[in-house]
Amino acid sequence: MEGSAQVSRSKTSQALLNSGSVAGTNSTTTSHLGQLSSSWEIDVWGKLRSNKRSVLASFLKTEAATRAVQTQLISDIAVAYYNLLALDAQLEITKNTLQNRIGDQETMKLLKESAIVDGAAVV
């Protein structure tokens, strides 16, 4: 729907009116103009229904994108969790290996003191 309004005012010169100074002659003119228009469209070819479908498809696409991001985030968290479990297991193995090496060194020191091995074995 559209609308517009216009007011114009004009004054005609006394020389053009050729009336001299006759009393009662109005040389000023005011014009008023108003317009209002409206239009509508008949959905013969299904354009409006197609637009509704398009909007719905955009919404579903957005919802699908949200689900995809959520799924990827859950996947990333799961991978990071299992990596953390693997690193924890590696740390535990490293600690056990260190304890075994310390025990081996203590054994070698005792064997050296017993003169079974030389100093190179302890090193």
PDB file of N, CA and C in Angstrom:
ATOM      1  N   MET A   1       0.851  -1.157   0.000  1.00  0.00           N
ATOM      2  CA  MET A   1       0.000   0.000   0.000  1.00  0.00           C
ATOM      3  C   MET A   1       0.900   1.224   0.000  1.00  0.00           C
ATOM      4  N   GLU A   2       0.572   2.166  -0.829  1.00  0.00           N
ATOM      5  CA  GLU A   2       1.347   3.393  -0.950  1.00  0.00           C
ATOM      6  C   GLU A   2       0.429   4.586  -0.813  1.00  0.00           C
ATOM      7  N   GLY A   3       0.982   5.688  -0.371  1.00  0.00           N
ATOM      8  CA  GLY A   3       0.203   6.915  -0.270  1.00  0.00           C
ATOM      9  C   GLY A   3       1.108   8.115  -0.390  1.00  0.00           C
ATOM     10  N   SER A   4       0.551   9.214  -0.839  1.00  0.00           N
ATOM     11  CA  SER A   4       1.317  10.454  -0.927  1.00  0.00           C
ATOM     12  C   SER A   4       0.358  11.635  -0.809  1.00  0.00           C
ATOM     13  N   ALA A   5       0.912  12.750  -0.364  1.00  0.00           N
ATOM     14  CA  ALA A   5       0.129  13.988  -0.251  1.00  0.00           C
ATOM     15  C   ALA A   5       0.999  15.137  -0.724  1.00  0.00           C
ATOM     16  N   GLN A   6       0.342  16.112  -1.341  1.00  0.00           N
ATOM     17  CA  GLN A   6       1.087  17.245  -1.869  1.00  0.00           C
ATOM     18  C   GLN A   6       0.223  18.494  -1.754  1.00  0.00           C
ATOM     19  N   VAL A   7       0.833  19.588  -1.345  1.00  0.00           N
ATOM     20  CA  VAL A   7       0.167  20.886  -1.278  1.00  0.00           C
ATOM     21  C   VAL A   7       1.047  21.867  -2.027  1.00  0.00           C
ATOM     22  N   SER A   8       0.433  22.642  -2.937  1.00  0.00           N
ATOM     23  CA  SER A   8       1.211  23.655  -3.654  1.00  0.00           C
ATOM     24  C   SER A   8       0.454  24.983  -3.602  1.00  0.00           C
ATOM     25  N   ARG A   9       1.203  26.036  -3.584  1.00  0.00           N
ATOM     26  CA  ARG A   9       0.607  27.380  -3.505  1.00  0.00           C
ATOM     27  C   ARG A   9       1.288  28.247  -4.564  1.00  0.00           C
ATOM     28  N   SER A  10       0.510  28.958  -5.318  1.00  0.00           N
ATOM     29  CA  SER A  10       1.080  29.820  -6.347  1.00  0.00           C
ATOM     30  C   SER A  10       0.362  31.168  -6.329  1.00  0.00           C
ATOM     31  N   LYS A  11       1.054  32.179  -6.782  1.00  0.00           N
ATOM     32  CA  LYS A  11       0.490  33.527  -6.816  1.00  0.00           C
ATOM     33  C   LYS A  11       0.662  34.070  -8.234  1.00  0.00           C
ATOM     34  N   THR A  12      -0.419  34.522  -8.800  1.00  0.00           N
ATOM     35  CA  THR A  12      -0.408  35.089 -10.144  1.00  0.00           C
ATOM     36  C   THR A  12      -0.225  36.599 -10.031  1.00  0.00           C
ATOM     37  N   SER A  13       0.624  37.133 -10.914  1.00  0.00           N
ATOM     38  CA  SER A  13       0.897  38.569 -10.842  1.00  0.00           C
ATOM     39  C   SER A  13      -0.327  39.380 -11.287  1.00  0.00           C
ATOM     40  N   GLN A  14      -0.463  40.582 -10.754  1.00  0.00           N
ATOM     41  CA  GLN A  14      -1.575  41.477 -11.085  1.00  0.00           C
ATOM     42  C   GLN A  14      -1.519  41.887 -12.556  1.00  0.00           C
ATOM     43  N   ALA A  15      -0.326  42.005 -13.116  1.00  0.00           N
ATOM     44  CA  ALA A  15      -0.197  42.385 -14.522  1.00  0.00           C
ATOM     45  C   ALA A  15      -0.767  41.300 -15.413  1.00  0.00           C
ATOM     46  N   LEU A  16      -0.591  40.046 -15.035  1.00  0.00           N
ATOM     47  CA  LEU A  16      -1.102  38.960 -15.837  1.00  0.00           C
ATOM     48  C   LEU A  16      -2.617  38.901 -15.764  1.00  0.00           C
ATOM     49  N   LEU A  17      -3.140  39.192 -14.606  1.00  0.00           N
ATOM     50  CA  LEU A  17      -4.594  39.174 -14.446  1.00  0.00           C
ATOM     51  C   LEU A  17      -5.241  40.350 -15.190  1.00  0.00           C
ATOM     52  N   ASN A  18      -4.449  41.360 -15.423  1.00  0.00           N
ATOM     53  CA  ASN A  18      -4.926  42.534 -16.159  1.00  0.00           C
ATOM     54  C   ASN A  18      -6.140  43.164 -15.483  1.00  0.00           C
ATOM     55  N   SER A  19      -6.118  43.078 -14.186  1.00  0.00           N
ATOM     56  CA  SER A  19      -7.268  43.634 -13.478  1.00  0.00           C
ATOM     57  C   SER A  19      -6.897  44.839 -12.671  1.00  0.00           C
ATOM     58  N   GLY A  20      -5.679  45.221 -12.700  1.00  0.00           N
ATOM     59  CA  GLY A  20      -5.277  46.398 -11.948  1.00  0.00           C
ATOM     60  C   GLY A  20      -5.379  46.118 -10.467  1.00  0.00           C
ATOM     61  N   SER A  21      -6.009  47.013  -9.777  1.00  0.00           N
ATOM     62  CA  SER A  21      -6.134  46.848  -8.333  1.00  0.00           C
ATOM     63  C   SER A  21      -7.594  46.686  -7.958  1.00  0.00           C
ATOM     64  N   VAL A  22      -8.266  45.791  -8.627  1.00  0.00           N
ATOM     65  CA  VAL A  22      -9.682  45.548  -8.353  1.00  0.00           C
ATOM     66  C   VAL A  22      -9.773  44.814  -7.030  1.00  0.00           C
ATOM     67  N   ALA A  23     -10.609  45.339  -6.187  1.00  0.00           N
ATOM     68  CA  ALA A  23     -10.758  44.731  -4.866  1.00  0.00           C
ATOM     69  C   ALA A  23     -11.498  43.409  -4.993  1.00  0.00           C
ATOM     70  N   GLY A  24     -11.127  42.426  -4.182  1.00  0.00           N
ATOM     71  CA  GLY A  24     -11.792  41.130  -4.169  1.00  0.00           C
ATOM     72  C   GLY A  24     -11.171  40.103  -5.086  1.00  0.00           C
ATOM     73  N   THR A  25     -10.168  40.478  -5.856  1.00  0.00           N
ATOM     74  CA  THR A  25      -9.511  39.524  -6.743  1.00  0.00           C
ATOM     75  C   THR A  25      -8.431  38.793  -5.950  1.00  0.00           C
ATOM     76  N   ASN A  26      -8.495  37.476  -5.962  1.00  0.00           N
ATOM     77  CA  ASN A  26      -7.514  36.662  -5.237  1.00  0.00           C
ATOM     78  C   ASN A  26      -6.511  36.133  -6.244  1.00  0.00           C
ATOM     79  N   SER A  27      -5.284  36.570  -6.111  1.00  0.00           N
ATOM     80  CA  SER A  27      -4.262  36.133  -7.047  1.00  0.00           C
ATOM     81  C   SER A  27      -3.433  34.962  -6.485  1.00  0.00           C
ATOM     82  N   THR A  28      -3.808  34.446  -5.335  1.00  0.00           N
ATOM     83  CA  THR A  28      -3.110  33.310  -4.730  1.00  0.00           C
ATOM     84  C   THR A  28      -3.967  32.064  -4.889  1.00  0.00           C
ATOM     85  N   THR A  29      -3.347  30.981  -5.363  1.00  0.00           N
ATOM     86  CA  THR A  29      -4.055  29.723  -5.571  1.00  0.00           C
ATOM     87  C   THR A  29      -3.366  28.627  -4.742  1.00  0.00           C
ATOM     88  N   THR A  30      -4.162  27.853  -4.037  1.00  0.00           N
ATOM     89  CA  THR A  30      -3.648  26.718  -3.262  1.00  0.00           C
ATOM     90  C   THR A  30      -4.268  25.450  -3.822  1.00  0.00           C
ATOM     91  N   SER A  31      -3.401  24.460  -4.095  1.00  0.00           N
ATOM     92  CA  SER A  31      -3.881  23.184  -4.627  1.00  0.00           C
ATOM     93  C   SER A  31      -3.507  22.073  -3.645  1.00  0.00           C
ATOM     94  N   HIS A  32      -4.442  21.161  -3.431  1.00  0.00           N
ATOM     95  CA  HIS A  32      -4.212  20.003  -2.570  1.00  0.00           C
ATOM     96  C   HIS A  32      -4.346  18.752  -3.437  1.00  0.00           C
ATOM     97  N   LEU A  33      -3.399  17.836  -3.260  1.00  0.00           N
ATOM     98  CA  LEU A  33      -3.439  16.607  -4.030  1.00  0.00           C
ATOM     99  C   LEU A  33      -3.126  15.441  -3.087  1.00  0.00           C
ATOM    100  N   GLY A  34      -3.972  14.454  -3.081  1.00  0.00           N
ATOM    101  CA  GLY A  34      -3.748  13.266  -2.256  1.00  0.00           C
ATOM    102  C   GLY A  34      -3.937  12.024  -3.109  1.00  0.00           C
ATOM    103  N   GLN A  35      -3.055  11.032  -2.909  1.00  0.00           N
ATOM    104  CA  GLN A  35      -3.143   9.792  -3.669  1.00  0.00           C
ATOM    105  C   GLN A  35      -2.955   8.626  -2.718  1.00  0.00           C
ATOM    106  N   LEU A  36      -3.702   7.566  -2.970  1.00  0.00           N
ATOM    107  CA  LEU A  36      -3.588   6.335  -2.210  1.00  0.00           C
ATOM    108  C   LEU A  36      -3.732   5.182  -3.192  1.00  0.00           C
ATOM    109  N   SER A  37      -2.800   4.242  -3.155  1.00  0.00           N
ATOM    110  CA  SER A  37      -2.889   3.108  -4.064  1.00  0.00           C
ATOM    111  C   SER A  37      -2.600   1.821  -3.299  1.00  0.00           C
ATOM    112  N   SER A  38      -3.188   0.760  -3.771  1.00  0.00           N
ATOM    113  CA  SER A  38      -3.028  -0.546  -3.145  1.00  0.00           C
ATOM    114  C   SER A  38      -2.952  -1.585  -4.258  1.00  0.00           C
ATOM    115  N   SER A  39      -2.208  -2.661  -3.983  1.00  0.00           N
ATOM    116  CA  SER A  39      -2.127  -3.736  -4.970  1.00  0.00           C
ATOM    117  C   SER A  39      -2.047  -5.069  -4.242  1.00  0.00           C
ATOM    118  N   TRP A  40      -2.405  -6.132  -4.919  1.00  0.00           N
ATOM    119  CA  TRP A  40      -2.324  -7.480  -4.378  1.00  0.00           C
ATOM    120  C   TRP A  40      -1.985  -8.419  -5.509  1.00  0.00           C
ATOM    121  N   GLU A  41      -1.593  -9.605  -5.138  1.00  0.00           N
ATOM    122  CA  GLU A  41      -1.178 -10.575  -6.138  1.00  0.00           C
ATOM    123  C   GLU A  41      -1.911 -11.887  -5.880  1.00  0.00           C
ATOM    124  N   ILE A  42      -2.463 -12.425  -6.913  1.00  0.00           N
ATOM    125  CA  ILE A  42      -3.122 -13.720  -6.823  1.00  0.00           C
ATOM    126  C   ILE A  42      -2.056 -14.792  -7.019  1.00  0.00           C
ATOM    127  N   ASP A  43      -2.055 -15.773  -6.146  1.00  0.00           N
ATOM    128  CA  ASP A  43      -1.028 -16.814  -6.175  1.00  0.00           C
ATOM    129  C   ASP A  43      -1.421 -17.919  -7.154  1.00  0.00           C
ATOM    130  N   VAL A  44      -1.424 -17.558  -8.443  1.00  0.00           N
ATOM    131  CA  VAL A  44      -1.842 -18.511  -9.468  1.00  0.00           C
ATOM    132  C   VAL A  44      -0.786 -19.593  -9.666  1.00  0.00           C
ATOM    133  N   TRP A  45       0.481 -19.221  -9.702  1.00  0.00           N
ATOM    134  CA  TRP A  45       1.543 -20.160 -10.031  1.00  0.00           C
ATOM    135  C   TRP A  45       2.208 -20.739  -8.785  1.00  0.00           C
ATOM    136  N   GLY A  46       1.707 -20.462  -7.606  1.00  0.00           N
ATOM    137  CA  GLY A  46       2.244 -21.042  -6.380  1.00  0.00           C
ATOM    138  C   GLY A  46       3.490 -20.362  -5.857  1.00  0.00           C
ATOM    139  N   LYS A  47       3.691 -19.107  -6.208  1.00  0.00           N
ATOM    140  CA  LYS A  47       4.883 -18.382  -5.780  1.00  0.00           C
ATOM    141  C   LYS A  47       4.930 -18.249  -4.257  1.00  0.00           C
ATOM    142  N   LEU A  48       3.812 -17.915  -3.638  1.00  0.00           N
ATOM    143  CA  LEU A  48       3.782 -17.747  -2.184  1.00  0.00           C
ATOM    144  C   LEU A  48       4.020 -19.078  -1.471  1.00  0.00           C
ATOM    145  N   ARG A  49       3.413 -20.152  -1.978  1.00  0.00           N
ATOM    146  CA  ARG A  49       3.655 -21.463  -1.388  1.00  0.00           C
ATOM    147  C   ARG A  49       5.112 -21.859  -1.538  1.00  0.00           C
ATOM    148  N   SER A  50       5.695 -21.535  -2.680  1.00  0.00           N
ATOM    149  CA  SER A  50       7.102 -21.830  -2.906  1.00  0.00           C
ATOM    150  C   SER A  50       7.981 -21.053  -1.927  1.00  0.00           C
ATOM    151  N   ASN A  51       7.632 -19.797  -1.662  1.00  0.00           N
ATOM    152  CA  ASN A  51       8.388 -18.995  -0.695  1.00  0.00           C
ATOM    153  C   ASN A  51       8.284 -19.597   0.699  1.00  0.00           C
ATOM    154  N   LYS A  52       7.093 -20.077   1.060  1.00  0.00           N
ATOM    155  CA  LYS A  52       6.922 -20.708   2.371  1.00  0.00           C
ATOM    156  C   LYS A  52       7.802 -21.948   2.476  1.00  0.00           C
ATOM    157  N   ARG A  53       7.841 -22.745   1.405  1.00  0.00           N
ATOM    158  CA  ARG A  53       8.693 -23.938   1.397  1.00  0.00           C
ATOM    159  C   ARG A  53      10.167 -23.559   1.509  1.00  0.00           C
ATOM    160  N   SER A  54      10.543 -22.498   0.834  1.00  0.00           N
ATOM    161  CA  SER A  54      11.926 -22.045   0.871  1.00  0.00           C
ATOM    162  C   SER A  54      12.322 -21.609   2.280  1.00  0.00           C
ATOM    163  N   VAL A  55      11.436 -20.888   2.943  1.00  0.00           N
ATOM    164  CA  VAL A  55      11.710 -20.449   4.310  1.00  0.00           C
ATOM    165  C   VAL A  55      11.820 -21.660   5.234  1.00  0.00           C
ATOM    166  N   LEU A  56      10.929 -22.632   5.062  1.00  0.00           N
ATOM    167  CA  LEU A  56      10.985 -23.852   5.864  1.00  0.00           C
ATOM    168  C   LEU A  56      12.281 -24.619   5.596  1.00  0.00           C
ATOM    169  N   ALA A  57      12.673 -24.705   4.341  1.00  0.00           N
ATOM    170  CA  ALA A  57      13.918 -25.397   3.995  1.00  0.00           C
ATOM    171  C   ALA A  57      15.123 -24.688   4.624  1.00  0.00           C
ATOM    172  N   SER A  58      15.107 -23.358   4.626  1.00  0.00           N
ATOM    173  CA  SER A  58      16.200 -22.603   5.258  1.00  0.00           C
ATOM    174  C   SER A  58      16.255 -22.885   6.745  1.00  0.00           C
ATOM    175  N   PHE A  59      15.082 -22.937   7.376  1.00  0.00           N
ATOM    176  CA  PHE A  59      15.036 -23.235   8.814  1.00  0.00           C
ATOM    177  C   PHE A  59      15.571 -24.632   9.094  1.00  0.00           C
ATOM    178  N   LEU A  60      15.107 -25.600   8.303  1.00  0.00           N
ATOM    179  CA  LEU A  60      15.564 -26.969   8.511  1.00  0.00           C
ATOM    180  C   LEU A  60      17.053 -27.094   8.240  1.00  0.00           C
ATOM    181  N   LYS A  61      17.534 -26.356   7.241  1.00  0.00           N
ATOM    182  CA  LYS A  61      18.955 -26.368   6.935  1.00  0.00           C
ATOM    183  C   LYS A  61      19.734 -25.814   8.124  1.00  0.00           C
ATOM    184  N   THR A  62      19.232 -24.759   8.723  1.00  0.00           N
ATOM    185  CA  THR A  62      19.883 -24.164   9.876  1.00  0.00           C
ATOM    186  C   THR A  62      19.872 -25.140  11.047  1.00  0.00           C
ATOM    187  N   GLU A  63      18.741 -25.814  11.258  1.00  0.00           N
ATOM    188  CA  GLU A  63      18.651 -26.797  12.330  1.00  0.00           C
ATOM    189  C   GLU A  63      19.608 -27.958  12.059  1.00  0.00           C
ATOM    190  N   ALA A  64      19.691 -28.375  10.795  1.00  0.00           N
ATOM    191  CA  ALA A  64      20.615 -29.454  10.437  1.00  0.00           C
ATOM    192  C   ALA A  64      22.061 -29.007  10.650  1.00  0.00           C
ATOM    193  N   ALA A  65      22.355 -27.766  10.315  1.00  0.00           N
ATOM    194  CA  ALA A  65      23.704 -27.248  10.532  1.00  0.00           C
ATOM    195  C   ALA A  65      24.029 -27.219  12.024  1.00  0.00           C
ATOM    196  N   THR A  66      23.053 -26.831  12.836  1.00  0.00           N
ATOM    197  CA  THR A  66      23.254 -26.817  14.281  1.00  0.00           C
ATOM    198  C   THR A  66      23.533 -28.223  14.793  1.00  0.00           C
ATOM    199  N   ARG A  67      22.753 -29.193  14.314  1.00  0.00           N
ATOM    200  CA  ARG A  67      22.979 -30.580  14.726  1.00  0.00           C
ATOM    201  C   ARG A  67      24.349 -31.082  14.279  1.00  0.00           C
ATOM    202  N   ALA A  68      24.760 -30.692  13.078  1.00  0.00           N
ATOM    203  CA  ALA A  68      26.067 -31.109  12.579  1.00  0.00           C
ATOM    204  C   ALA A  68      27.185 -30.546  13.451  1.00  0.00           C
ATOM    205  N   VAL A  69      27.064 -29.290  13.844  1.00  0.00           N
ATOM    206  CA  VAL A  69      28.077 -28.672  14.703  1.00  0.00           C
ATOM    207  C   VAL A  69      28.093 -29.365  16.064  1.00  0.00           C
ATOM    208  N   GLN A  70      26.908 -29.650  16.607  1.00  0.00           N
ATOM    209  CA  GLN A  70      26.836 -30.341  17.892  1.00  0.00           C
ATOM    210  C   GLN A  70      27.458 -31.730  17.795  1.00  0.00           C
ATOM    211  N   THR A  71      27.170 -32.451  16.717  1.00  0.00           N
ATOM    212  CA  THR A  71      27.730 -33.784  16.531  1.00  0.00           C
ATOM    213  C   THR A  71      29.249 -33.721  16.429  1.00  0.00           C
ATOM    214  N   GLN A  72      29.758 -32.749  15.672  1.00  0.00           N
ATOM    215  CA  GLN A  72      31.203 -32.598  15.533  1.00  0.00           C
ATOM    216  C   GLN A  72      31.839 -32.256  16.876  1.00  0.00           C
ATOM    217  N   LEU A  73      31.183 -31.406  17.659  1.00  0.00           N
ATOM    218  CA  LEU A  73      31.702 -31.038  18.975  1.00  0.00           C
ATOM    219  C   LEU A  73      31.754 -32.259  19.898  1.00  0.00           C
ATOM    220  N   ILE A  74      30.697 -33.060  19.896  1.00  0.00           N
ATOM    221  CA  ILE A  74      30.675 -34.272  20.718  1.00  0.00           C
ATOM    222  C   ILE A  74      31.780 -35.233  20.271  1.00  0.00           C
ATOM    223  N   SER A  75      31.957 -35.356  18.958  1.00  0.00           N
ATOM    224  CA  SER A  75      33.010 -36.219  18.430  1.00  0.00           C
ATOM    225  C   SER A  75      34.391 -35.734  18.870  1.00  0.00           C
ATOM    226  N   ASP A  76      34.622 -34.436  18.772  1.00  0.00           N
ATOM    227  CA  ASP A  76      35.913 -33.870  19.186  1.00  0.00           C
ATOM    228  C   ASP A  76      36.179 -34.105  20.671  1.00  0.00           C
ATOM    229  N   ILE A  77      35.134 -33.960  21.485  1.00  0.00           N
ATOM    230  CA  ILE A  77      35.287 -34.195  22.930  1.00  0.00           C
ATOM    231  C   ILE A  77      35.617 -35.659  23.195  1.00  0.00           C
ATOM    232  N   ALA A  78      34.924 -36.572  22.495  1.00  0.00           N
ATOM    233  CA  ALA A  78      35.186 -38.001  22.679  1.00  0.00           C
ATOM    234  C   ALA A  78      36.611 -38.354  22.272  1.00  0.00           C
ATOM    235  N   VAL A  79      37.077 -37.838  21.147  1.00  0.00           N
ATOM    236  CA  VAL A  79      38.445 -38.111  20.694  1.00  0.00           C
ATOM    237  C   VAL A  79      39.453 -37.570  21.712  1.00  0.00           C
ATOM    238  N   ALA A  80      39.230 -36.358  22.199  1.00  0.00           N
ATOM    239  CA  ALA A  80      40.132 -35.773  23.189  1.00  0.00           C
ATOM    240  C   ALA A  80      40.135 -36.594  24.480  1.00  0.00           C
ATOM    241  N   TYR A  81      38.974 -37.093  24.888  1.00  0.00           N
ATOM    242  CA  TYR A  81      38.880 -37.917  26.102  1.00  0.00           C
ATOM    243  C   TYR A  81      39.691 -39.208  25.942  1.00  0.00           C
ATOM    244  N   TYR A  82      39.531 -39.882  24.805  1.00  0.00           N
ATOM    245  CA  TYR A  82      40.274 -41.128  24.597  1.00  0.00           C
ATOM    246  C   TYR A  82      41.771 -40.869  24.434  1.00  0.00           C
ATOM    247  N   ASN A  83      42.131 -39.734  23.856  1.00  0.00           N
ATOM    248  CA  ASN A  83      43.556 -39.364  23.805  1.00  0.00           C
ATOM    249  C   ASN A  83      44.102 -39.157  25.214  1.00  0.00           C
ATOM    250  N   LEU A  84      43.310 -38.511  26.068  1.00  0.00           N
ATOM    251  CA  LEU A  84      43.721 -38.298  27.449  1.00  0.00           C
ATOM    252  C   LEU A  84      43.887 -39.634  28.182  1.00  0.00           C
ATOM    253  N   LEU A  85      42.952 -40.568  27.960  1.00  0.00           N
ATOM    254  CA  LEU A  85      43.086 -41.898  28.567  1.00  0.00           C
ATOM    255  C   LEU A  85      44.361 -42.594  28.098  1.00  0.00           C
ATOM    256  N   ALA A  86      44.667 -42.482  26.806  1.00  0.00           N
ATOM    257  CA  ALA A  86      45.883 -43.108  26.267  1.00  0.00           C
ATOM    258  C   ALA A  86      47.130 -42.474  26.875  1.00  0.00           C
ATOM    259  N   LEU A  87      47.131 -41.151  27.006  1.00  0.00           N
ATOM    260  CA  LEU A  87      48.282 -40.461  27.602  1.00  0.00           C
ATOM    261  C   LEU A  87      48.433 -40.826  29.073  1.00  0.00           C
ATOM    262  N   ASP A  88      47.319 -40.975  29.776  1.00  0.00           N
ATOM    263  CA  ASP A  88      47.382 -41.413  31.180  1.00  0.00           C
ATOM    264  C   ASP A  88      47.988 -42.810  31.278  1.00  0.00           C
ATOM    265  N   ALA A  89      47.606 -43.706  30.364  1.00  0.00           N
ATOM    266  CA  ALA A  89      48.161 -45.060  30.360  1.00  0.00           C
ATOM    267  C   ALA A  89      49.657 -45.025  30.061  1.00  0.00           C
ATOM    268  N   GLN A  90      50.069 -44.174  29.109  1.00  0.00           N
ATOM    269  CA  GLN A  90      51.491 -44.044  28.791  1.00  0.00           C
ATOM    270  C   GLN A  90      52.265 -43.508  29.991  1.00  0.00           C
ATOM    271  N   LEU A  91      51.685 -42.563  30.701  1.00  0.00           N
ATOM    272  CA  LEU A  91      52.338 -42.012  31.889  1.00  0.00           C
ATOM    273  C   LEU A  91      52.511 -43.096  32.954  1.00  0.00           C
ATOM    274  N   GLU A  92      51.495 -43.911  33.137  1.00  0.00           N
ATOM    275  CA  GLU A  92      51.574 -44.999  34.119  1.00  0.00           C
ATOM    276  C   GLU A  92      52.658 -46.008  33.725  1.00  0.00           C
ATOM    277  N   ILE A  93      52.750 -46.327  32.444  1.00  0.00           N
ATOM    278  CA  ILE A  93      53.794 -47.245  31.956  1.00  0.00           C
ATOM    279  C   ILE A  93      55.169 -46.641  32.190  1.00  0.00           C
ATOM    280  N   THR A  94      55.299 -45.333  31.919  1.00  0.00           N
ATOM    281  CA  THR A  94      56.586 -44.653  32.118  1.00  0.00           C
ATOM    282  C   THR A  94      56.985 -44.673  33.592  1.00  0.00           C
ATOM    283  N   LYS A  95      56.031 -44.428  34.483  1.00  0.00           N
ATOM    284  CA  LYS A  95      56.328 -44.468  35.921  1.00  0.00           C
ATOM    285  C   LYS A  95      56.758 -45.867  36.346  1.00  0.00           C
ATOM    286  N   ASN A  96      56.058 -46.891  35.855  1.00  0.00           N
ATOM    287  CA  ASN A  96      56.431 -48.278  36.179  1.00  0.00           C
ATOM    288  C   ASN A  96      57.823 -48.620  35.630  1.00  0.00           C
ATOM    289  N   THR A  97      58.124 -48.153  34.423  1.00  0.00           N
ATOM    290  CA  THR A  97      59.442 -48.398  33.830  1.00  0.00           C
ATOM    291  C   THR A  97      60.528 -47.737  34.667  1.00  0.00           C
ATOM    292  N   LEU A  98      60.267 -46.504  35.104  1.00  0.00           N
ATOM    293  CA  LEU A  98      61.237 -45.798  35.945  1.00  0.00           C
ATOM    294  C   LEU A  98      61.487 -46.575  37.243  1.00  0.00           C
ATOM    295  N   GLN A  99      60.436 -47.074  37.865  1.00  0.00           N
ATOM    296  CA  GLN A  99      60.599 -47.852  39.101  1.00  0.00           C
ATOM    297  C   GLN A  99      61.395 -49.134  38.829  1.00  0.00           C
ATOM    298  N   ASN A 100      61.145 -49.771  37.687  1.00  0.00           N
ATOM    299  CA  ASN A 100      61.913 -50.981  37.335  1.00  0.00           C
ATOM    300  C   ASN A 100      63.384 -50.654  37.137  1.00  0.00           C
ATOM    301  N   ARG A 101      63.683 -49.538  36.475  1.00  0.00           N
ATOM    302  CA  ARG A 101      65.086 -49.139  36.240  1.00  0.00           C
ATOM    303  C   ARG A 101      65.785 -48.823  37.560  1.00  0.00           C
ATOM    304  N   ILE A 102      65.067 -48.149  38.458  1.00  0.00           N
ATOM    305  CA  ILE A 102      65.655 -47.854  39.765  1.00  0.00           C
ATOM    306  C   ILE A 102      65.949 -49.164  40.509  1.00  0.00           C
ATOM    307  N   GLY A 103      65.002 -50.101  40.431  1.00  0.00           N
ATOM    308  CA  GLY A 103      65.236 -51.418  41.062  1.00  0.00           C
ATOM    309  C   GLY A 103      66.397 -52.149  40.437  1.00  0.00           C
ATOM    310  N   ASP A 104      66.517 -52.082  39.088  1.00  0.00           N
ATOM    311  CA  ASP A 104      67.643 -52.724  38.399  1.00  0.00           C
ATOM    312  C   ASP A 104      68.967 -52.122  38.853  1.00  0.00           C
ATOM    313  N   GLN A 105      69.007 -50.804  39.011  1.00  0.00           N
ATOM    314  CA  GLN A 105      70.235 -50.128  39.428  1.00  0.00           C
ATOM    315  C   GLN A 105      70.606 -50.548  40.858  1.00  0.00           C
ATOM    316  N   GLU A 106      69.616 -50.630  41.721  1.00  0.00           N
ATOM    317  CA  GLU A 106      69.891 -51.061  43.096  1.00  0.00           C
ATOM    318  C   GLU A 106      70.434 -52.503  43.104  1.00  0.00           C
ATOM    319  N   THR A 107      69.872 -53.336  42.259  1.00  0.00           N
ATOM    320  CA  THR A 107      70.349 -54.719  42.160  1.00  0.00           C
ATOM    321  C   THR A 107      71.788 -54.750  41.674  1.00  0.00           C
ATOM    322  N   MET A 108      72.111 -53.935  40.661  1.00  0.00           N
ATOM    323  CA  MET A 108      73.471 -53.895  40.126  1.00  0.00           C
ATOM    324  C   MET A 108      74.447 -53.384  41.185  1.00  0.00           C
ATOM    325  N   LYS A 109      74.030 -52.420  42.003  1.00  0.00           N
ATOM    326  CA  LYS A 109      74.905 -51.912  43.071  1.00  0.00           C
ATOM    327  C   LYS A 109      75.209 -53.028  44.072  1.00  0.00           C
ATOM    328  N   LEU A 110      74.193 -53.787  44.415  1.00  0.00           N
ATOM    329  CA  LEU A 110      74.402 -54.891  45.361  1.00  0.00           C
ATOM    330  C   LEU A 110      75.301 -55.960  44.750  1.00  0.00           C
ATOM    331  N   LEU A 111      75.122 -56.236  43.431  1.00  0.00           N
ATOM    332  CA  LEU A 111      75.978 -57.216  42.766  1.00  0.00           C
ATOM    333  C   LEU A 111      77.422 -56.728  42.691  1.00  0.00           C
ATOM    334  N   LYS A 112      77.625 -55.432  42.530  1.00  0.00           N
ATOM    335  CA  LYS A 112      78.977 -54.866  42.483  1.00  0.00           C
ATOM    336  C   LYS A 112      79.625 -54.987  43.852  1.00  0.00           C
ATOM    337  N   GLU A 113      78.848 -54.678  44.902  1.00  0.00           N
ATOM    338  CA  GLU A 113      79.388 -54.785  46.249  1.00  0.00           C
ATOM    339  C   GLU A 113      79.761 -56.246  46.571  1.00  0.00           C
ATOM    340  N   SER A 114      79.081 -57.171  45.945  1.00  0.00           N
ATOM    341  CA  SER A 114      79.383 -58.593  46.149  1.00  0.00           C
ATOM    342  C   SER A 114      80.475 -59.063  45.198  1.00  0.00           C
ATOM    343  N   ALA A 115      81.000 -58.185  44.390  1.00  0.00           N
ATOM    344  CA  ALA A 115      82.068 -58.453  43.414  1.00  0.00           C
ATOM    345  C   ALA A 115      81.647 -59.449  42.348  1.00  0.00           C
ATOM    346  N   ILE A 116      80.365 -59.462  42.018  1.00  0.00           N
ATOM    347  CA  ILE A 116      79.868 -60.340  40.951  1.00  0.00           C
ATOM    348  C   ILE A 116      79.961 -59.611  39.615  1.00  0.00           C
ATOM    349  N   VAL A 117      79.680 -58.286  39.616  1.00  0.00           N
ATOM    350  CA  VAL A 117      79.776 -57.469  38.389  1.00  0.00           C
ATOM    351  C   VAL A 117      80.716 -56.316  38.663  1.00  0.00           C
ATOM    352  N   ASP A 118      81.180 -55.682  37.558  1.00  0.00           N
ATOM    353  CA  ASP A 118      82.064 -54.531  37.740  1.00  0.00           C
ATOM    354  C   ASP A 118      81.270 -53.238  37.700  1.00  0.00           C
ATOM    355  N   GLY A 119      81.951 -52.100  37.791  1.00  0.00           N
ATOM    356  CA  GLY A 119      81.303 -50.780  37.843  1.00  0.00           C
ATOM    357  C   GLY A 119      80.595 -50.410  36.568  1.00  0.00           C
ATOM    358  N   ALA A 120      80.996 -50.971  35.441  1.00  0.00           N
ATOM    359  CA  ALA A 120      80.359 -50.662  34.156  1.00  0.00           C
ATOM    360  C   ALA A 120      78.913 -51.141  34.128  1.00  0.00           C
ATOM    361  N   ALA A 121      78.623 -52.225  34.764  1.00  0.00           N
ATOM    362  CA  ALA A 121      77.247 -52.755  34.797  1.00  0.00           C
ATOM    363  C   ALA A 121      76.330 -51.829  35.605  1.00  0.00           C
ATOM    364  N   VAL A 122      76.918 -51.222  36.649  1.00  0.00           N
ATOM    365  CA  VAL A 122      76.097 -50.308  37.466  1.00  0.00           C
ATOM    366  C   VAL A 122      75.775 -49.056  36.694  1.00  0.00           C
ATOM    367  N   VAL A 123      76.745 -48.559  35.920  1.00  0.00           N
ATOM    368  CA  VAL A 123      76.547 -47.333  35.139  1.00  0.00           C
ATOM    369  C   VAL A 123      75.519 -47.596  34.084  1.00  0.00           C
TER     370      VAL A 123
END
